[in-house]
Structures are given as C-alpha cells and as structure tokens.
Protein backbone atom coordinates (compact mmCIF):
# COMPACT_ATOMS: atom_id res chain seq x y z
CA MET A 1 122.19 106.66 97.05
CA ARG A 2 121.37 109.42 94.60
CA LEU A 3 117.79 109.99 93.47
CA THR A 4 116.94 111.85 90.30
CA THR A 5 113.75 113.85 90.00
CA THR A 6 112.10 111.19 87.84
CA GLU A 7 113.07 108.44 90.26
CA LEU A 8 111.61 110.45 93.12
CA GLY A 9 108.38 110.84 91.13
CA LEU A 10 108.22 107.10 90.60
CA LEU A 11 108.90 106.59 94.32
CA PHE A 12 105.90 108.84 95.06
CA LEU A 13 103.74 106.66 92.81
CA LEU A 14 104.97 103.50 94.52
CA LEU A 15 104.29 104.99 97.97
CA PHE A 16 100.77 105.83 96.80
CA GLY A 17 100.27 102.19 95.84
CA VAL A 18 101.55 100.90 99.19
CA PHE A 19 99.54 103.41 101.23
CA HIS A 20 96.42 102.73 99.15
CA PHE A 21 96.84 98.98 99.64
CA LEU A 22 97.25 99.44 103.40
CA GLY A 23 94.41 101.97 103.58
CA ILE A 24 96.46 104.55 105.49
CA LEU A 25 97.32 108.24 105.07
CA PRO A 26 94.69 109.17 102.47
CA THR A 27 95.62 112.87 102.23
CA THR A 28 99.33 112.15 102.03
CA ARG A 29 98.88 109.53 99.35
CA ALA A 30 96.69 111.91 97.30
CA VAL A 31 99.38 114.59 97.37
CA LEU A 32 102.09 112.02 96.60
CA VAL A 33 100.27 110.60 93.59
CA PHE A 34 99.55 114.09 92.22
CA LEU A 35 103.23 115.01 92.49
CA GLY A 36 104.29 111.64 91.09
CA VAL A 37 102.03 111.89 88.05
CA VAL A 38 103.12 115.45 87.33
CA ILE A 39 106.81 114.57 87.66
CA VAL A 40 106.76 111.34 85.66
CA GLY A 41 104.48 112.88 83.05
CA THR A 42 103.71 111.09 79.83
CA THR A 43 106.82 108.93 79.74
CA GLY A 44 106.45 105.24 79.19
CA PHE A 45 103.53 103.16 78.02
CA ILE A 46 101.26 103.94 80.97
CA GLY A 47 102.00 107.65 80.74
CA ARG A 48 101.05 107.77 77.06
CA ILE A 49 97.81 105.89 77.74
CA ALA A 50 96.98 108.26 80.63
CA ALA A 51 97.67 111.24 78.37
CA ASP A 52 95.35 109.89 75.67
CA VAL A 53 92.60 109.18 78.21
CA GLY A 54 93.01 112.66 79.76
CA THR A 55 92.81 114.36 76.40
CA TRP A 56 89.78 112.32 75.41
CA ALA A 57 87.99 113.00 78.73
CA GLN A 58 88.57 116.73 78.51
CA ASN A 59 87.33 116.85 74.91
CA ALA A 60 84.30 114.74 75.79
CA PHE A 61 83.44 117.02 78.71
CA GLY A 62 83.72 120.05 76.44
CA SER A 63 81.49 118.37 73.84
CA VAL A 64 78.85 117.48 76.45
CA THR A 65 78.76 121.02 77.86
CA GLY A 66 78.62 122.38 74.32
CA TRP A 67 75.69 120.13 73.52
CA ALA A 68 73.85 120.76 76.79
CA PHE A 69 74.44 124.50 77.24
CA GLY A 70 75.48 125.68 73.81
CA VAL A 71 78.92 126.72 75.04
CA PRO A 72 81.77 124.23 75.30
CA LEU A 73 83.55 124.59 78.63
CA ALA A 74 86.94 123.02 78.00
CA ALA A 75 88.22 123.64 81.54
CA GLY A 76 85.07 122.29 83.18
CA LEU A 77 86.41 118.82 83.98
CA PHE A 78 89.56 120.21 85.56
CA ILE A 79 87.59 122.76 87.60
CA VAL A 80 85.16 120.14 88.93
CA LEU A 81 87.96 117.74 89.82
CA ALA A 82 89.99 120.50 91.48
CA ILE A 83 87.03 121.56 93.63
CA VAL A 84 86.40 118.00 94.82
CA PHE A 85 90.13 117.48 95.46
CA ILE A 86 90.45 120.68 97.51
CA PHE A 87 87.28 119.78 99.43
CA ASP A 88 88.67 116.34 100.25
CA VAL A 89 92.11 117.47 101.43
CA HIS A 90 90.74 120.37 103.49
CA PRO A 91 91.43 119.81 107.21
CA LYS A 92 87.71 119.94 108.09
CA HIS A 93 87.02 116.95 105.84
CA SER A 94 88.72 113.63 105.41
CA ALA A 95 90.21 112.33 102.20
CA GLY A 96 88.95 109.01 100.98
CA LYS A 97 89.84 106.51 98.30
CA ARG A 98 88.41 108.75 95.59
CA THR A 99 90.83 111.55 96.46
CA GLY A 100 93.83 109.61 95.14
CA TRP A 101 92.10 108.80 91.87
CA ILE A 102 91.02 112.43 91.49
CA ALA A 103 94.64 113.46 92.12
CA ILE A 104 95.76 111.13 89.31
CA ALA A 105 93.23 112.72 86.94
CA LEU A 106 94.30 116.24 87.94
CA GLY A 107 97.95 115.37 87.45
CA VAL A 108 97.29 113.92 84.01
CA LEU A 109 95.30 116.99 82.97
CA VAL A 110 98.11 119.28 84.16
CA VAL A 111 100.79 117.26 82.36
CA VAL A 112 98.90 116.96 79.10
CA GLY A 113 98.12 120.66 79.17
CA VAL A 114 94.41 120.31 78.53
CA ALA A 115 93.36 121.86 81.82
CA GLY A 116 92.04 124.78 79.79
CA ILE A 117 93.44 127.39 82.18
CA PRO A 118 96.43 129.32 80.78
CA ALA A 119 97.71 130.18 84.27
CA LEU A 120 98.45 126.47 84.83
CA ALA A 121 100.88 126.27 81.88
CA GLY A 122 103.92 126.67 84.12
CA LEU A 123 102.66 124.49 86.97
CA ARG A 124 104.34 121.30 85.79
CA GLY A 125 107.70 123.01 85.37
CA ALA A 126 107.42 124.61 88.81
CA ILE A 127 106.58 121.28 90.48
CA VAL A 128 109.41 119.45 88.72
CA ASN A 129 111.82 122.23 89.67
CA LEU A 130 110.65 122.17 93.30
CA VAL A 131 111.02 118.39 93.62
CA GLY A 132 114.35 118.54 91.78
CA ASN A 133 115.65 121.04 94.32
CA ALA A 134 114.39 118.81 97.15
CA ALA A 135 116.10 115.78 95.58
CA THR A 136 119.35 117.75 95.32
CA ALA A 137 119.08 118.72 98.96
CA LEU A 138 118.41 115.09 99.99
CA ASN A 139 121.31 113.84 97.87
CA SER A 140 123.70 116.27 99.52
CA ILE A 141 123.04 114.85 103.00
C-alpha cells in the first residue's frame, strides 16, 4: 500500500474524527487534525468553505480591533488561538474537546495565509515536505 502526502493528511483527519468520537487521545487528535488541515489545504468543497470562513473571521477580528482600539490587529485571532492551543497541549495541562477545534482553526489560518505573521509563510510548505518525507519512508518499508 502506498500513501501519498494528501492521502496521509486525509487519514489524519479521519483519525481525528474517530478519536474525537471515542473521546480518547485529545492531544494526539489535536496535532493530527492540525497536520491534516494543513496538508489537505483548501482542496475540495469543505476546504474552500473553511478557507472562506477563515478569511472572514480574520478580517472580522481585524475590524473589531480597529473599531475598539483604533488599530486593526490582523494577526490577533491567530495569536489568541495559538496561545490557547499551546496552553492546552502543554504537558502540565490537559487538552480537551476545544483543542481539536482550535487546531482546525489554526490550520485553516495557516493554509489560507491570513495569519498575519510573515514568518509563517513557509510553514505550510515545511509541514507538507515533512509529512511527504515521512510518507516516503513508510512506503519504503
């Protein structure tokens, strides 16, 4: 059996669904769904809808901060979600059901490129390359 990188990303999303349904491995499923969303990206109907929602949410957050503080903070939503995600997956804390959904949002924001942080521009390519190398290694066994 040979897995492509995209198939492995879809497998990660399916494993997230199974683990979420069973209520087990919350940290693992959060990491899997983040990787799956980043790998699969905006392909397909669901991916395009997620991209539109991510773009809208980031723009809305920037508009709200611009209205409230006079300065639009475009990266604010990504920063808040990243802080909560890191807090949840830290070994001193336990991940919950929200962690997976936050991972989905982070993945969508990274894929769409609206994270607002220029240093994250190459993150998607690096993750896809890393998982592609892992898939090649698994396929060679």
